[in-house]
Amino acid sequence: ISRDNAKNTVYLQMNSLKPEDTAVYYCAGRSGFGMMELLTAP
């Protein structure tokens, strides 16, 4: 994962993809900071 704040864009580079990676991928945003339990949960 990476981000370019000048371009207002976040990226997800996915290499060595596996069939189990098949899914709908969603990006999500959270204002400010957060503890791990929140940053890793929908």
PDB file of all heavy atoms in Angstrom:
ATOM      1  N   ILE A   1       0.856  -1.187   0.000  1.00  0.00           N
ATOM      2  CA  ILE A   1       0.000   0.000   0.000  1.00  0.00           C
ATOM      3  C   ILE A   1       0.889   1.233   0.000  1.00  0.00           C
ATOM      4  O   ILE A   1       1.962   1.256   0.618  1.00  0.00           O
ATOM      5  CB  ILE A   1      -0.962   0.005   1.205  1.00  0.00           C
ATOM      6  CG1 ILE A   1      -2.000   1.117   1.060  1.00  0.00           C
ATOM      7  CG2 ILE A   1      -0.205   0.104   2.519  1.00  0.00           C
ATOM      8  CD1 ILE A   1      -3.116   1.066   2.117  1.00  0.00           C
ATOM      9  N   SER A   2       0.453   2.264  -0.691  1.00  0.00           N
ATOM     10  CA  SER A   2       1.179   3.531  -0.702  1.00  0.00           C
ATOM     11  C   SER A   2       0.169   4.642  -0.954  1.00  0.00           C
ATOM     12  O   SER A   2      -0.965   4.384  -1.359  1.00  0.00           O
ATOM     13  CB  SER A   2       2.274   3.542  -1.761  1.00  0.00           C
ATOM     14  OG  SER A   2       1.730   3.394  -3.064  1.00  0.00           O
ATOM     15  N   ARG A   3       0.597   5.861  -0.709  1.00  0.00           N
ATOM     16  CA  ARG A   3      -0.282   6.989  -0.955  1.00  0.00           C
ATOM     17  C   ARG A   3       0.531   8.170  -1.456  1.00  0.00           C
ATOM     18  O   ARG A   3       1.710   8.319  -1.115  1.00  0.00           O
ATOM     19  CB  ARG A   3      -1.062   7.371   0.303  1.00  0.00           C
ATOM     20  CG  ARG A   3      -0.235   7.911   1.448  1.00  0.00           C
ATOM     21  CD  ARG A   3      -1.079   8.075   2.716  1.00  0.00           C
ATOM     22  NE  ARG A   3      -2.118   9.088   2.556  1.00  0.00           N
ATOM     23  CZ  ARG A   3      -3.211   9.157   3.309  1.00  0.00           C
ATOM     24  NH1 ARG A   3      -3.420   8.255   4.277  1.00  0.00           N
ATOM     25  NH2 ARG A   3      -4.099  10.120   3.111  1.00  0.00           N
ATOM     26  N   ASP A   4      -0.134   8.991  -2.261  1.00  0.00           N
ATOM     27  CA  ASP A   4       0.464  10.225  -2.755  1.00  0.00           C
ATOM     28  C   ASP A   4      -0.499  11.340  -2.358  1.00  0.00           C
ATOM     29  O   ASP A   4      -1.532  11.529  -3.009  1.00  0.00           O
ATOM     30  CB  ASP A   4       0.655  10.150  -4.267  1.00  0.00           C
ATOM     31  CG  ASP A   4       1.389  11.360  -4.826  1.00  0.00           C
ATOM     32  OD1 ASP A   4       1.372  12.426  -4.192  1.00  0.00           O
ATOM     33  OD2 ASP A   4       1.967  11.230  -5.912  1.00  0.00           O
ATOM     34  N   ASN A   5      -0.168  12.032  -1.297  1.00  0.00           N
ATOM     35  CA  ASN A   5      -1.080  13.067  -0.807  1.00  0.00           C
ATOM     36  C   ASN A   5      -1.184  14.252  -1.772  1.00  0.00           C
ATOM     37  O   ASN A   5      -2.187  14.962  -1.764  1.00  0.00           O
ATOM     38  CB  ASN A   5      -0.642  13.541   0.574  1.00  0.00           C
ATOM     39  CG  ASN A   5      -0.976  12.520   1.654  1.00  0.00           C
ATOM     40  OD1 ASN A   5      -1.693  11.552   1.414  1.00  0.00           O
ATOM     41  ND2 ASN A   5      -0.445  12.725   2.847  1.00  0.00           N
ATOM     42  N   ALA A   6      -0.179  14.449  -2.599  1.00  0.00           N
ATOM     43  CA  ALA A   6      -0.246  15.529  -3.588  1.00  0.00           C
ATOM     44  C   ALA A   6      -1.248  15.202  -4.691  1.00  0.00           C
ATOM     45  O   ALA A   6      -1.825  16.105  -5.297  1.00  0.00           O
ATOM     46  CB  ALA A   6       1.127  15.781  -4.189  1.00  0.00           C
ATOM     47  N   LYS A   7      -1.449  13.905  -4.935  1.00  0.00           N
ATOM     48  CA  LYS A   7      -2.379  13.469  -5.981  1.00  0.00           C
ATOM     49  C   LYS A   7      -3.692  12.955  -5.403  1.00  0.00           C
ATOM     50  O   LYS A   7      -4.555  12.486  -6.141  1.00  0.00           O
ATOM     51  CB  LYS A   7      -1.738  12.378  -6.839  1.00  0.00           C
ATOM     52  CG  LYS A   7      -0.531  12.846  -7.629  1.00  0.00           C
ATOM     53  CD  LYS A   7       0.009  11.731  -8.508  1.00  0.00           C
ATOM     54  CE  LYS A   7       1.187  12.231  -9.339  1.00  0.00           C
ATOM     55  NZ  LYS A   7       1.760  11.149 -10.193  1.00  0.00           N
ATOM     56  N   ASN A   8      -3.824  13.025  -4.074  1.00  0.00           N
ATOM     57  CA  ASN A   8      -5.050  12.528  -3.431  1.00  0.00           C
ATOM     58  C   ASN A   8      -5.377  11.100  -3.875  1.00  0.00           C
ATOM     59  O   ASN A   8      -6.521  10.793  -4.257  1.00  0.00           O
ATOM     60  CB  ASN A   8      -6.248  13.441  -3.730  1.00  0.00           C
ATOM     61  CG  ASN A   8      -6.264  14.683  -2.869  1.00  0.00           C
ATOM     62  OD1 ASN A   8      -5.270  15.029  -2.243  1.00  0.00           O
ATOM     63  ND2 ASN A   8      -7.398  15.359  -2.846  1.00  0.00           N
ATOM     64  N   THR A   9      -4.397  10.245  -3.825  1.00  0.00           N
ATOM     65  CA  THR A   9      -4.586   8.884  -4.307  1.00  0.00           C
ATOM     66  C   THR A   9      -3.882   7.896  -3.392  1.00  0.00           C
ATOM     67  O   THR A   9      -2.772   8.151  -2.917  1.00  0.00           O
ATOM     68  CB  THR A   9      -4.050   8.728  -5.744  1.00  0.00           C
ATOM     69  OG1 THR A   9      -4.683   9.693  -6.588  1.00  0.00           O
ATOM     70  CG2 THR A   9      -4.344   7.339  -6.289  1.00  0.00           C
ATOM     71  N   VAL A  10      -4.533   6.773  -3.174  1.00  0.00           N
ATOM     72  CA  VAL A  10      -3.925   5.655  -2.461  1.00  0.00           C
ATOM     73  C   VAL A  10      -3.878   4.477  -3.420  1.00  0.00           C
ATOM     74  O   VAL A  10      -4.782   4.297  -4.242  1.00  0.00           O
ATOM     75  CB  VAL A  10      -4.704   5.316  -1.172  1.00  0.00           C
ATOM     76  CG1 VAL A  10      -6.142   4.923  -1.451  1.00  0.00           C
ATOM     77  CG2 VAL A  10      -3.993   4.238  -0.368  1.00  0.00           C
ATOM     78  N   TYR A  11      -2.811   3.711  -3.317  1.00  0.00           N
ATOM     79  CA  TYR A  11      -2.577   2.607  -4.236  1.00  0.00           C
ATOM     80  C   TYR A  11      -2.458   1.289  -3.476  1.00  0.00           C
ATOM     81  O   TYR A  11      -2.061   1.252  -2.313  1.00  0.00           O
ATOM     82  CB  TYR A  11      -1.275   2.825  -5.018  1.00  0.00           C
ATOM     83  CG  TYR A  11      -1.204   4.133  -5.760  1.00  0.00           C
ATOM     84  CD1 TYR A  11      -0.569   5.240  -5.199  1.00  0.00           C
ATOM     85  CD2 TYR A  11      -1.777   4.275  -7.026  1.00  0.00           C
ATOM     86  CE1 TYR A  11      -0.499   6.440  -5.873  1.00  0.00           C
ATOM     87  CE2 TYR A  11      -1.712   5.477  -7.704  1.00  0.00           C
ATOM     88  CZ  TYR A  11      -1.068   6.560  -7.131  1.00  0.00           C
ATOM     89  OH  TYR A  11      -1.000   7.757  -7.811  1.00  0.00           O
ATOM     90  N   LEU A  12      -2.781   0.217  -4.194  1.00  0.00           N
ATOM     91  CA  LEU A  12      -2.528  -1.121  -3.672  1.00  0.00           C
ATOM     92  C   LEU A  12      -1.879  -1.923  -4.794  1.00  0.00           C
ATOM     93  O   LEU A  12      -2.535  -2.295  -5.765  1.00  0.00           O
ATOM     94  CB  LEU A  12      -3.815  -1.803  -3.210  1.00  0.00           C
ATOM     95  CG  LEU A  12      -3.605  -3.198  -2.616  1.00  0.00           C
ATOM     96  CD1 LEU A  12      -2.771  -3.131  -1.337  1.00  0.00           C
ATOM     97  CD2 LEU A  12      -4.959  -3.867  -2.318  1.00  0.00           C
ATOM     98  N   GLN A  13      -0.585  -2.139  -4.667  1.00  0.00           N
ATOM     99  CA  GLN A  13       0.143  -2.967  -5.619  1.00  0.00           C
ATOM    100  C   GLN A  13       0.045  -4.415  -5.165  1.00  0.00           C
ATOM    101  O   GLN A  13       0.433  -4.744  -4.035  1.00  0.00           O
ATOM    102  CB  GLN A  13       1.608  -2.536  -5.691  1.00  0.00           C
ATOM    103  CG  GLN A  13       2.459  -3.384  -6.623  1.00  0.00           C
ATOM    104  CD  GLN A  13       2.081  -3.215  -8.078  1.00  0.00           C
ATOM    105  OE1 GLN A  13       1.846  -2.100  -8.540  1.00  0.00           O
ATOM    106  NE2 GLN A  13       2.006  -4.322  -8.811  1.00  0.00           N
ATOM    107  N   MET A  14      -0.490  -5.254  -6.028  1.00  0.00           N
ATOM    108  CA  MET A  14      -0.703  -6.657  -5.688  1.00  0.00           C
ATOM    109  C   MET A  14       0.128  -7.524  -6.614  1.00  0.00           C
ATOM    110  O   MET A  14      -0.107  -7.535  -7.827  1.00  0.00           O
ATOM    111  CB  MET A  14      -2.194  -7.003  -5.803  1.00  0.00           C
ATOM    112  CG  MET A  14      -3.100  -6.100  -4.985  1.00  0.00           C
ATOM    113  SD  MET A  14      -4.827  -6.613  -5.003  1.00  0.00           S
ATOM    114  CE  MET A  14      -5.220  -6.356  -6.723  1.00  0.00           C
ATOM    115  N   ASN A  15       1.085  -8.224  -6.052  1.00  0.00           N
ATOM    116  CA  ASN A  15       1.955  -9.120  -6.808  1.00  0.00           C
ATOM    117  C   ASN A  15       1.731 -10.565  -6.383  1.00  0.00           C
ATOM    118  O   ASN A  15       1.139 -10.826  -5.326  1.00  0.00           O
ATOM    119  CB  ASN A  15       3.417  -8.741  -6.583  1.00  0.00           C
ATOM    120  CG  ASN A  15       3.753  -7.348  -7.059  1.00  0.00           C
ATOM    121  OD1 ASN A  15       3.155  -6.840  -8.017  1.00  0.00           O
ATOM    122  ND2 ASN A  15       4.693  -6.705  -6.398  1.00  0.00           N
ATOM    123  N   SER A  16       2.214 -11.475  -7.188  1.00  0.00           N
ATOM    124  CA  SER A  16       2.103 -12.913  -6.887  1.00  0.00           C
ATOM    125  C   SER A  16       0.676 -13.274  -6.486  1.00  0.00           C
ATOM    126  O   SER A  16       0.435 -13.964  -5.488  1.00  0.00           O
ATOM    127  CB  SER A  16       3.075 -13.294  -5.762  1.00  0.00           C
ATOM    128  OG  SER A  16       4.403 -12.978  -6.123  1.00  0.00           O
ATOM    129  N   LEU A  17      -0.264 -12.822  -7.283  1.00  0.00           N
ATOM    130  CA  LEU A  17      -1.666 -13.032  -6.951  1.00  0.00           C
ATOM    131  C   LEU A  17      -2.037 -14.510  -6.974  1.00  0.00           C
ATOM    132  O   LEU A  17      -1.504 -15.288  -7.777  1.00  0.00           O
ATOM    133  CB  LEU A  17      -2.551 -12.242  -7.906  1.00  0.00           C
ATOM    134  CG  LEU A  17      -2.621 -10.739  -7.586  1.00  0.00           C
ATOM    135  CD1 LEU A  17      -3.102  -9.947  -8.786  1.00  0.00           C
ATOM    136  CD2 LEU A  17      -3.532 -10.502  -6.392  1.00  0.00           C
ATOM    137  N   LYS A  18      -2.953 -14.852  -6.085  1.00  0.00           N
ATOM    138  CA  LYS A  18      -3.418 -16.217  -5.942  1.00  0.00           C
ATOM    139  C   LYS A  18      -4.930 -16.258  -6.184  1.00  0.00           C
ATOM    140  O   LYS A  18      -5.614 -15.245  -5.984  1.00  0.00           O
ATOM    141  CB  LYS A  18      -3.128 -16.728  -4.531  1.00  0.00           C
ATOM    142  CG  LYS A  18      -1.669 -16.646  -4.121  1.00  0.00           C
ATOM    143  CD  LYS A  18      -1.497 -17.064  -2.667  1.00  0.00           C
ATOM    144  CE  LYS A  18      -0.044 -16.971  -2.236  1.00  0.00           C
ATOM    145  NZ  LYS A  18       0.134 -17.371  -0.810  1.00  0.00           N
ATOM    146  N   PRO A  19      -5.459 -17.410  -6.568  1.00  0.00           N
ATOM    147  CA  PRO A  19      -6.918 -17.502  -6.754  1.00  0.00           C
ATOM    148  C   PRO A  19      -7.693 -17.079  -5.508  1.00  0.00           C
ATOM    149  O   PRO A  19      -8.775 -16.493  -5.643  1.00  0.00           O
ATOM    150  CB  PRO A  19      -7.126 -18.983  -7.075  1.00  0.00           C
ATOM    151  CG  PRO A  19      -5.841 -19.393  -7.741  1.00  0.00           C
ATOM    152  CD  PRO A  19      -4.773 -18.637  -7.017  1.00  0.00           C
ATOM    153  N   GLU A  20      -7.157 -17.319  -4.346  1.00  0.00           N
ATOM    154  CA  GLU A  20      -7.855 -16.931  -3.112  1.00  0.00           C
ATOM    155  C   GLU A  20      -7.874 -15.420  -2.865  1.00  0.00           C
ATOM    156  O   GLU A  20      -8.525 -14.949  -1.940  1.00  0.00           O
ATOM    157  CB  GLU A  20      -7.266 -17.645  -1.888  1.00  0.00           C
ATOM    158  CG  GLU A  20      -5.764 -17.531  -1.754  1.00  0.00           C
ATOM    159  CD  GLU A  20      -5.026 -18.743  -2.316  1.00  0.00           C
ATOM    160  OE1 GLU A  20      -5.398 -19.218  -3.422  1.00  0.00           O
ATOM    161  OE2 GLU A  20      -4.080 -19.205  -1.646  1.00  0.00           O
ATOM    162  N   ASP A  21      -7.173 -14.664  -3.699  1.00  0.00           N
ATOM    163  CA  ASP A  21      -7.248 -13.207  -3.624  1.00  0.00           C
ATOM    164  C   ASP A  21      -8.455 -12.662  -4.385  1.00  0.00           C
ATOM    165  O   ASP A  21      -8.732 -11.459  -4.332  1.00  0.00           O
ATOM    166  CB  ASP A  21      -5.975 -12.569  -4.210  1.00  0.00           C
ATOM    167  CG  ASP A  21      -4.734 -12.875  -3.388  1.00  0.00           C
ATOM    168  OD1 ASP A  21      -4.813 -12.827  -2.149  1.00  0.00           O
ATOM    169  OD2 ASP A  21      -3.685 -13.164  -4.015  1.00  0.00           O
ATOM    170  N   THR A  22      -9.155 -13.528  -5.087  1.00  0.00           N
ATOM    171  CA  THR A  22     -10.330 -13.106  -5.842  1.00  0.00           C
ATOM    172  C   THR A  22     -11.394 -12.542  -4.915  1.00  0.00           C
ATOM    173  O   THR A  22     -11.799 -13.182  -3.944  1.00  0.00           O
ATOM    174  CB  THR A  22     -10.906 -14.297  -6.629  1.00  0.00           C
ATOM    175  OG1 THR A  22      -9.960 -14.711  -7.613  1.00  0.00           O
ATOM    176  CG2 THR A  22     -12.214 -13.914  -7.318  1.00  0.00           C
ATOM    177  N   ALA A  23     -11.814 -11.318  -5.192  1.00  0.00           N
ATOM    178  CA  ALA A  23     -12.787 -10.618  -4.349  1.00  0.00           C
ATOM    179  C   ALA A  23     -13.092  -9.260  -4.959  1.00  0.00           C
ATOM    180  O   ALA A  23     -12.417  -8.824  -5.894  1.00  0.00           O
ATOM    181  CB  ALA A  23     -12.236 -10.435  -2.933  1.00  0.00           C
ATOM    182  N   VAL A  24     -14.087  -8.613  -4.399  1.00  0.00           N
ATOM    183  CA  VAL A  24     -14.289  -7.189  -4.656  1.00  0.00           C
ATOM    184  C   VAL A  24     -13.438  -6.431  -3.643  1.00  0.00           C
ATOM    185  O   VAL A  24     -13.537  -6.692  -2.444  1.00  0.00           O
ATOM    186  CB  VAL A  24     -15.765  -6.785  -4.541  1.00  0.00           C
ATOM    187  CG1 VAL A  24     -15.925  -5.289  -4.749  1.00  0.00           C
ATOM    188  CG2 VAL A  24     -16.607  -7.567  -5.545  1.00  0.00           C
ATOM    189  N   TYR A  25     -12.627  -5.537  -4.133  1.00  0.00           N
ATOM    190  CA  TYR A  25     -11.739  -4.761  -3.281  1.00  0.00           C
ATOM    191  C   TYR A  25     -12.311  -3.369  -3.082  1.00  0.00           C
ATOM    192  O   TYR A  25     -12.699  -2.697  -4.046  1.00  0.00           O
ATOM    193  CB  TYR A  25     -10.341  -4.688  -3.889  1.00  0.00           C
ATOM    194  CG  TYR A  25      -9.558  -5.962  -3.696  1.00  0.00           C
ATOM    195  CD1 TYR A  25      -9.907  -7.128  -4.378  1.00  0.00           C
ATOM    196  CD2 TYR A  25      -8.490  -6.027  -2.808  1.00  0.00           C
ATOM    197  CE1 TYR A  25      -9.210  -8.311  -4.185  1.00  0.00           C
ATOM    198  CE2 TYR A  25      -7.785  -7.203  -2.613  1.00  0.00           C
ATOM    199  CZ  TYR A  25      -8.157  -8.344  -3.306  1.00  0.00           C
ATOM    200  OH  TYR A  25      -7.449  -9.515  -3.105  1.00  0.00           O
ATOM    201  N   TYR A  26     -12.332  -2.943  -1.825  1.00  0.00           N
ATOM    202  CA  TYR A  26     -12.869  -1.645  -1.462  1.00  0.00           C
ATOM    203  C   TYR A  26     -11.808  -0.794  -0.790  1.00  0.00           C
ATOM    204  O   TYR A  26     -11.065  -1.286   0.057  1.00  0.00           O
ATOM    205  CB  TYR A  26     -14.025  -1.797  -0.470  1.00  0.00           C
ATOM    206  CG  TYR A  26     -15.209  -2.571  -0.966  1.00  0.00           C
ATOM    207  CD1 TYR A  26     -15.277  -3.959  -0.816  1.00  0.00           C
ATOM    208  CD2 TYR A  26     -16.283  -1.927  -1.584  1.00  0.00           C
ATOM    209  CE1 TYR A  26     -16.369  -4.682  -1.270  1.00  0.00           C
ATOM    210  CE2 TYR A  26     -17.380  -2.646  -2.036  1.00  0.00           C
ATOM    211  CZ  TYR A  26     -17.408  -4.014  -1.874  1.00  0.00           C
ATOM    212  OH  TYR A  26     -18.500  -4.717  -2.325  1.00  0.00           O
ATOM    213  N   CYS A  27     -11.747   0.471  -1.161  1.00  0.00           N
ATOM    214  CA  CYS A  27     -10.940   1.383  -0.368  1.00  0.00           C
ATOM    215  C   CYS A  27     -11.845   2.091   0.613  1.00  0.00           C
ATOM    216  O   CYS A  27     -13.054   2.243   0.375  1.00  0.00           O
ATOM    217  CB  CYS A  27     -10.146   2.358  -1.214  1.00  0.00           C
ATOM    218  SG  CYS A  27     -11.073   3.737  -1.899  1.00  0.00           S
ATOM    219  N   ALA A  28     -11.267   2.484   1.726  1.00  0.00           N
ATOM    220  CA  ALA A  28     -12.034   3.102   2.798  1.00  0.00           C
ATOM    221  C   ALA A  28     -11.192   4.186   3.458  1.00  0.00           C
ATOM    222  O   ALA A  28      -9.964   4.095   3.492  1.00  0.00           O
ATOM    223  CB  ALA A  28     -12.438   2.055   3.829  1.00  0.00           C
ATOM    224  N   GLY A  29     -11.871   5.192   3.986  1.00  0.00           N
ATOM    225  CA  GLY A  29     -11.185   6.296   4.624  1.00  0.00           C
ATOM    226  C   GLY A  29     -11.673   6.535   6.035  1.00  0.00           C
ATOM    227  O   GLY A  29     -12.859   6.343   6.330  1.00  0.00           O
ATOM    228  N   ARG A  30     -10.738   6.939   6.886  1.00  0.00           N
ATOM    229  CA  ARG A  30     -11.057   7.240   8.286  1.00  0.00           C
ATOM    230  C   ARG A  30     -10.366   8.542   8.640  1.00  0.00           C
ATOM    231  O   ARG A  30      -9.154   8.672   8.477  1.00  0.00           O
ATOM    232  CB  ARG A  30     -10.540   6.132   9.203  1.00  0.00           C
ATOM    233  CG  ARG A  30     -10.653   6.473  10.672  1.00  0.00           C
ATOM    234  CD  ARG A  30      -9.956   5.457  11.555  1.00  0.00           C
ATOM    235  NE  ARG A  30      -9.929   5.945  12.933  1.00  0.00           N
ATOM    236  CZ  ARG A  30     -10.943   5.829  13.757  1.00  0.00           C
ATOM    237  NH1 ARG A  30     -12.049   5.215  13.381  1.00  0.00           N
ATOM    238  NH2 ARG A  30     -10.849   6.299  14.990  1.00  0.00           N
ATOM    239  N   SER A  31     -11.144   9.488   9.160  1.00  0.00           N
ATOM    240  CA  SER A  31     -10.575  10.779   9.522  1.00  0.00           C
ATOM    241  C   SER A  31      -9.661  10.650  10.729  1.00  0.00           C
ATOM    242  O   SER A  31     -10.026  10.055  11.743  1.00  0.00           O
ATOM    243  CB  SER A  31     -11.708  11.769   9.832  1.00  0.00           C
ATOM    244  OG  SER A  31     -11.178  13.016  10.239  1.00  0.00           O
ATOM    245  N   GLY A  32      -8.461  11.180  10.607  1.00  0.00           N
ATOM    246  CA  GLY A  32      -7.552  11.260  11.747  1.00  0.00           C
ATOM    247  C   GLY A  32      -6.923   9.939  12.114  1.00  0.00           C
ATOM    248  O   GLY A  32      -6.683   9.069  11.280  1.00  0.00           O
ATOM    249  N   PHE A  33      -6.659   9.780  13.399  1.00  0.00           N
ATOM    250  CA  PHE A  33      -5.938   8.627  13.905  1.00  0.00           C
ATOM    251  C   PHE A  33      -6.903   7.559  14.398  1.00  0.00           C
ATOM    252  O   PHE A  33      -8.103   7.751  14.435  1.00  0.00           O
ATOM    253  CB  PHE A  33      -5.010   9.055  15.044  1.00  0.00           C
ATOM    254  CG  PHE A  33      -4.030  10.106  14.650  1.00  0.00           C
ATOM    255  CD1 PHE A  33      -4.246  11.438  14.969  1.00  0.00           C
ATOM    256  CD2 PHE A  33      -2.884   9.780  13.947  1.00  0.00           C
ATOM    257  CE1 PHE A  33      -3.351  12.411  14.593  1.00  0.00           C
ATOM    258  CE2 PHE A  33      -1.981  10.743  13.575  1.00  0.00           C
ATOM    259  CZ  PHE A  33      -2.213  12.069  13.892  1.00  0.00           C
ATOM    260  N   GLY A  34      -6.352   6.441  14.759  1.00  0.00           N
ATOM    261  CA  GLY A  34      -7.175   5.373  15.311  1.00  0.00           C
ATOM    262  C   GLY A  34      -6.308   4.257  15.834  1.00  0.00           C
ATOM    263  O   GLY A  34      -5.182   4.074  15.388  1.00  0.00           O
ATOM    264  N   MET A  35      -6.855   3.521  16.775  1.00  0.00           N
ATOM    265  CA  MET A  35      -6.134   2.374  17.306  1.00  0.00           C
ATOM    266  C   MET A  35      -6.212   1.220  16.310  1.00  0.00           C
ATOM    267  O   MET A  35      -7.087   1.174  15.440  1.00  0.00           O
ATOM    268  CB  MET A  35      -6.721   1.985  18.653  1.00  0.00           C
ATOM    269  CG  MET A  35      -6.595   3.071  19.705  1.00  0.00           C
ATOM    270  SD  MET A  35      -7.205   2.567  21.300  1.00  0.00           S
ATOM    271  CE  MET A  35      -5.987   1.333  21.741  1.00  0.00           C
ATOM    272  N   MET A  36      -5.312   0.268  16.478  1.00  0.00           N
ATOM    273  CA  MET A  36      -5.222  -0.854  15.555  1.00  0.00           C
ATOM    274  C   MET A  36      -6.555  -1.554  15.377  1.00  0.00           C
ATOM    275  O   MET A  36      -6.926  -1.932  14.264  1.00  0.00           O
ATOM    276  CB  MET A  36      -4.176  -1.836  16.072  1.00  0.00           C
ATOM    277  CG  MET A  36      -3.941  -3.030  15.172  1.00  0.00           C
ATOM    278  SD  MET A  36      -3.117  -2.601  13.648  1.00  0.00           S
ATOM    279  CE  MET A  36      -1.447  -2.422  14.236  1.00  0.00           C
ATOM    280  N   GLU A  37      -7.296  -1.740  16.453  1.00  0.00           N
ATOM    281  CA  GLU A  37      -8.542  -2.495  16.346  1.00  0.00           C
ATOM    282  C   GLU A  37      -9.555  -1.796  15.459  1.00  0.00           C
ATOM    283  O   GLU A  37     -10.431  -2.434  14.876  1.00  0.00           O
ATOM    284  CB  GLU A  37      -9.134  -2.737  17.735  1.00  0.00           C
ATOM    285  CG  GLU A  37      -9.562  -1.494  18.466  1.00  0.00           C
ATOM    286  CD  GLU A  37     -10.178  -1.819  19.822  1.00  0.00           C
ATOM    287  OE1 GLU A  37     -10.476  -2.995  20.078  1.00  0.00           O
ATOM    288  OE2 GLU A  37     -10.369  -0.884  20.622  1.00  0.00           O
ATOM    289  N   LEU A  38      -9.459  -0.486  15.334  1.00  0.00           N
ATOM    290  CA  LEU A  38     -10.351   0.248  14.447  1.00  0.00           C
ATOM    291  C   LEU A  38      -9.787   0.326  13.034  1.00  0.00           C
ATOM    292  O   LEU A  38     -10.528   0.240  12.056  1.00  0.00           O
ATOM    293  CB  LEU A  38     -10.608   1.647  14.992  1.00  0.00           C
ATOM    294  CG  LEU A  38     -11.473   1.719  16.256  1.00  0.00           C
ATOM    295  CD1 LEU A  38     -11.599   3.161  16.720  1.00  0.00           C
ATOM    296  CD2 LEU A  38     -12.843   1.126  16.017  1.00  0.00           C
ATOM    297  N   LEU A  39      -8.495   0.468  12.906  1.00  0.00           N
ATOM    298  CA  LEU A  39      -7.885   0.592  11.585  1.00  0.00           C
ATOM    299  C   LEU A  39      -7.939  -0.715  10.802  1.00  0.00           C
ATOM    300  O   LEU A  39      -7.772  -0.719   9.593  1.00  0.00           O
ATOM    301  CB  LEU A  39      -6.446   1.059  11.715  1.00  0.00           C
ATOM    302  CG  LEU A  39      -6.260   2.521  12.146  1.00  0.00           C
ATOM    303  CD1 LEU A  39      -4.815   2.790  12.512  1.00  0.00           C
ATOM    304  CD2 LEU A  39      -6.724   3.467  11.049  1.00  0.00           C
ATOM    305  N   THR A  40      -8.166  -1.824  11.493  1.00  0.00           N
ATOM    306  CA  THR A  40      -8.213  -3.124  10.830  1.00  0.00           C
ATOM    307  C   THR A  40      -9.629  -3.690  10.746  1.00  0.00           C
ATOM    308  O   THR A  40      -9.803  -4.864  10.425  1.00  0.00           O
ATOM    309  CB  THR A  40      -7.310  -4.136  11.551  1.00  0.00           C
ATOM    310  OG1 THR A  40      -7.703  -4.219  12.920  1.00  0.00           O
ATOM    311  CG2 THR A  40      -5.842  -3.723  11.468  1.00  0.00           C
ATOM    312  N   ALA A  41     -10.630  -2.872  11.008  1.00  0.00           N
ATOM    313  CA  ALA A  41     -12.020  -3.338  10.991  1.00  0.00           C
ATOM    314  C   ALA A  41     -12.883  -2.421  10.140  1.00  0.00           C
ATOM    315  O   ALA A  41     -12.691  -1.204  10.140  1.00  0.00           O
ATOM    316  CB  ALA A  41     -12.575  -3.387  12.411  1.00  0.00           C
ATOM    317  N   PRO A  42     -13.850  -2.980   9.408  1.00  0.00           N
ATOM    318  CA  PRO A  42     -14.733  -2.131   8.599  1.00  0.00           C
ATOM    319  C   PRO A  42     -15.410  -1.039   9.421  1.00  0.00           C
ATOM    320  O   PRO A  42     -15.600   0.077   8.927  1.00  0.00           O
ATOM    321  CB  PRO A  42     -15.759  -3.132   8.046  1.00  0.00           C
ATOM    322  CG  PRO A  42     -15.023  -4.421   7.985  1.00  0.00           C
ATOM    323  CD  PRO A  42     -14.135  -4.419   9.196  1.00  0.00           C
TER     324      PRO A  42
END
